[in-house]
Amino acid sequence: MTSKELLYIEDALGHEKYFLSKYKETAAQIQDADLKNCVEQLAQNHSSIFRSFYSLLS
């Protein structure tokens, strides 16, 4: 893997980590059960994407 590719993966990991933390923060503040479930699903999706990018480094 080239250094440019590694930088891209590091950048993507940072973005996904940020999105995941923001979705978790938001879900913790939501009272509506349906909306909270939707936001939690988005957090799970970004967690999956994070793991996919991270697996590229293994």
N, C-alpha and C. Protein backbone atom coordinates (compact mmCIF):
# COMPACT_ATOMS: atom_id res chain seq x y z
N MET A 1 0.85 -1.17 0.00
CA MET A 1 0.00 0.00 0.00
C MET A 1 0.90 1.24 0.00
N THR A 2 0.56 2.19 -0.82
CA THR A 2 1.38 3.40 -0.93
C THR A 2 1.12 4.32 0.26
N SER A 3 2.01 5.26 0.46
CA SER A 3 1.84 6.21 1.56
C SER A 3 0.61 7.08 1.34
N LYS A 4 0.31 7.39 0.09
CA LYS A 4 -0.88 8.19 -0.22
C LYS A 4 -2.16 7.40 0.13
N GLU A 5 -2.17 6.12 -0.16
CA GLU A 5 -3.32 5.29 0.19
C GLU A 5 -3.48 5.19 1.70
N LEU A 6 -2.38 5.05 2.41
CA LEU A 6 -2.44 5.00 3.87
C LEU A 6 -2.98 6.30 4.45
N LEU A 7 -2.57 7.42 3.88
CA LEU A 7 -3.08 8.71 4.34
C LEU A 7 -4.58 8.82 4.10
N TYR A 8 -5.04 8.31 2.96
CA TYR A 8 -6.47 8.33 2.67
C TYR A 8 -7.23 7.50 3.71
N ILE A 9 -6.73 6.32 4.02
CA ILE A 9 -7.39 5.45 4.99
C ILE A 9 -7.40 6.09 6.37
N GLU A 10 -6.29 6.70 6.76
CA GLU A 10 -6.23 7.39 8.05
C GLU A 10 -7.26 8.52 8.11
N ASP A 11 -7.37 9.26 7.03
CA ASP A 11 -8.33 10.36 6.95
C ASP A 11 -9.76 9.81 7.03
N ALA A 12 -10.03 8.75 6.29
CA ALA A 12 -11.37 8.15 6.30
C ALA A 12 -11.70 7.61 7.69
N LEU A 13 -10.73 7.00 8.37
CA LEU A 13 -10.95 6.51 9.73
C LEU A 13 -11.31 7.66 10.67
N GLY A 14 -10.61 8.77 10.53
CA GLY A 14 -10.90 9.94 11.36
C GLY A 14 -12.31 10.46 11.13
N HIS A 15 -12.72 10.51 9.88
CA HIS A 15 -14.08 10.99 9.56
C HIS A 15 -15.13 10.05 10.14
N GLU A 16 -14.94 8.76 9.96
CA GLU A 16 -15.91 7.79 10.46
C GLU A 16 -15.98 7.81 11.99
N LYS A 17 -14.83 7.95 12.63
CA LYS A 17 -14.80 8.03 14.09
C LYS A 17 -15.56 9.27 14.57
N TYR A 18 -15.38 10.38 13.88
CA TYR A 18 -16.09 11.62 14.21
C TYR A 18 -17.61 11.44 14.05
N PHE A 19 -18.02 10.91 12.89
CA PHE A 19 -19.45 10.70 12.64
C PHE A 19 -20.06 9.77 13.70
N LEU A 20 -19.34 8.70 14.03
CA LEU A 20 -19.82 7.75 15.02
C LEU A 20 -20.03 8.43 16.37
N SER A 21 -19.06 9.23 16.79
CA SER A 21 -19.20 9.89 18.09
C SER A 21 -20.35 10.89 18.09
N LYS A 22 -20.54 11.62 17.00
CA LYS A 22 -21.63 12.60 16.94
C LYS A 22 -22.99 11.92 16.93
N TYR A 23 -23.11 10.80 16.20
CA TYR A 23 -24.38 10.08 16.19
C TYR A 23 -24.70 9.51 17.57
N LYS A 24 -23.69 9.00 18.27
CA LYS A 24 -23.91 8.47 19.61
C LYS A 24 -24.32 9.59 20.58
N GLU A 25 -23.66 10.74 20.49
CA GLU A 25 -24.02 11.88 21.33
C GLU A 25 -25.46 12.30 21.07
N THR A 26 -25.81 12.38 19.79
CA THR A 26 -27.16 12.81 19.42
C THR A 26 -28.20 11.81 19.89
N ALA A 27 -27.95 10.52 19.68
CA ALA A 27 -28.90 9.48 20.09
C ALA A 27 -29.16 9.54 21.60
N ALA A 28 -28.14 9.85 22.37
CA ALA A 28 -28.29 9.92 23.82
C ALA A 28 -29.20 11.07 24.26
N GLN A 29 -29.37 12.06 23.40
CA GLN A 29 -30.18 13.23 23.75
C GLN A 29 -31.60 13.18 23.20
N ILE A 30 -31.88 12.23 22.32
CA ILE A 30 -33.19 12.16 21.67
C ILE A 30 -34.20 11.43 22.55
N GLN A 31 -35.38 11.99 22.65
CA GLN A 31 -36.46 11.39 23.45
C GLN A 31 -37.36 10.49 22.61
N ASP A 32 -37.62 10.87 21.37
CA ASP A 32 -38.50 10.10 20.49
C ASP A 32 -37.86 8.76 20.15
N ALA A 33 -38.55 7.68 20.45
CA ALA A 33 -37.99 6.33 20.28
C ALA A 33 -37.67 6.00 18.81
N ASP A 34 -38.57 6.38 17.90
CA ASP A 34 -38.34 6.07 16.48
C ASP A 34 -37.14 6.83 15.93
N LEU A 35 -37.07 8.09 16.26
CA LEU A 35 -35.95 8.91 15.80
C LEU A 35 -34.64 8.43 16.42
N LYS A 36 -34.68 8.10 17.70
CA LYS A 36 -33.50 7.60 18.39
C LYS A 36 -33.02 6.31 17.73
N ASN A 37 -33.93 5.42 17.39
CA ASN A 37 -33.59 4.17 16.72
C ASN A 37 -32.93 4.44 15.37
N CYS A 38 -33.44 5.40 14.64
CA CYS A 38 -32.87 5.77 13.34
C CYS A 38 -31.44 6.27 13.49
N VAL A 39 -31.22 7.14 14.45
CA VAL A 39 -29.88 7.69 14.67
C VAL A 39 -28.92 6.61 15.17
N GLU A 40 -29.41 5.71 16.01
CA GLU A 40 -28.57 4.61 16.46
C GLU A 40 -28.19 3.69 15.30
N GLN A 41 -29.10 3.50 14.35
CA GLN A 41 -28.80 2.70 13.16
C GLN A 41 -27.72 3.39 12.32
N LEU A 42 -27.79 4.69 12.21
CA LEU A 42 -26.74 5.43 11.49
C LEU A 42 -25.39 5.24 12.17
N ALA A 43 -25.39 5.26 13.50
CA ALA A 43 -24.15 5.05 14.25
C ALA A 43 -23.60 3.65 13.98
N GLN A 44 -24.46 2.66 13.93
CA GLN A 44 -24.02 1.30 13.63
C GLN A 44 -23.45 1.20 12.22
N ASN A 45 -24.07 1.89 11.28
CA ASN A 45 -23.56 1.89 9.90
C ASN A 45 -22.16 2.48 9.84
N HIS A 46 -21.94 3.58 10.54
CA HIS A 46 -20.63 4.21 10.52
C HIS A 46 -19.60 3.37 11.29
N SER A 47 -20.06 2.65 12.29
CA SER A 47 -19.17 1.73 12.99
C SER A 47 -18.72 0.62 12.06
N SER A 48 -19.63 0.13 11.25
CA SER A 48 -19.30 -0.92 10.28
C SER A 48 -18.32 -0.40 9.23
N ILE A 49 -18.54 0.81 8.76
CA ILE A 49 -17.64 1.41 7.78
C ILE A 49 -16.26 1.60 8.40
N PHE A 50 -16.21 2.05 9.65
CA PHE A 50 -14.94 2.23 10.35
C PHE A 50 -14.18 0.90 10.40
N ARG A 51 -14.87 -0.17 10.78
CA ARG A 51 -14.23 -1.48 10.86
C ARG A 51 -13.73 -1.94 9.49
N SER A 52 -14.48 -1.63 8.45
CA SER A 52 -14.04 -1.99 7.09
C SER A 52 -12.76 -1.28 6.70
N PHE A 53 -12.69 0.01 6.97
CA PHE A 53 -11.46 0.76 6.69
C PHE A 53 -10.32 0.25 7.55
N TYR A 54 -10.61 0.00 8.83
CA TYR A 54 -9.56 -0.46 9.74
C TYR A 54 -9.01 -1.81 9.31
N SER A 55 -9.86 -2.66 8.77
CA SER A 55 -9.40 -3.98 8.34
C SER A 55 -8.42 -3.88 7.16
N LEU A 56 -8.47 -2.80 6.44
CA LEU A 56 -7.51 -2.60 5.34
C LEU A 56 -6.08 -2.45 5.86
N LEU A 57 -5.95 -2.05 7.12
CA LEU A 57 -4.63 -1.84 7.71
C LEU A 57 -4.03 -3.13 8.28
N SER A 58 -4.85 -4.15 8.41
CA SER A 58 -4.38 -5.42 9.00
C SER A 58 -3.68 -6.29 7.96
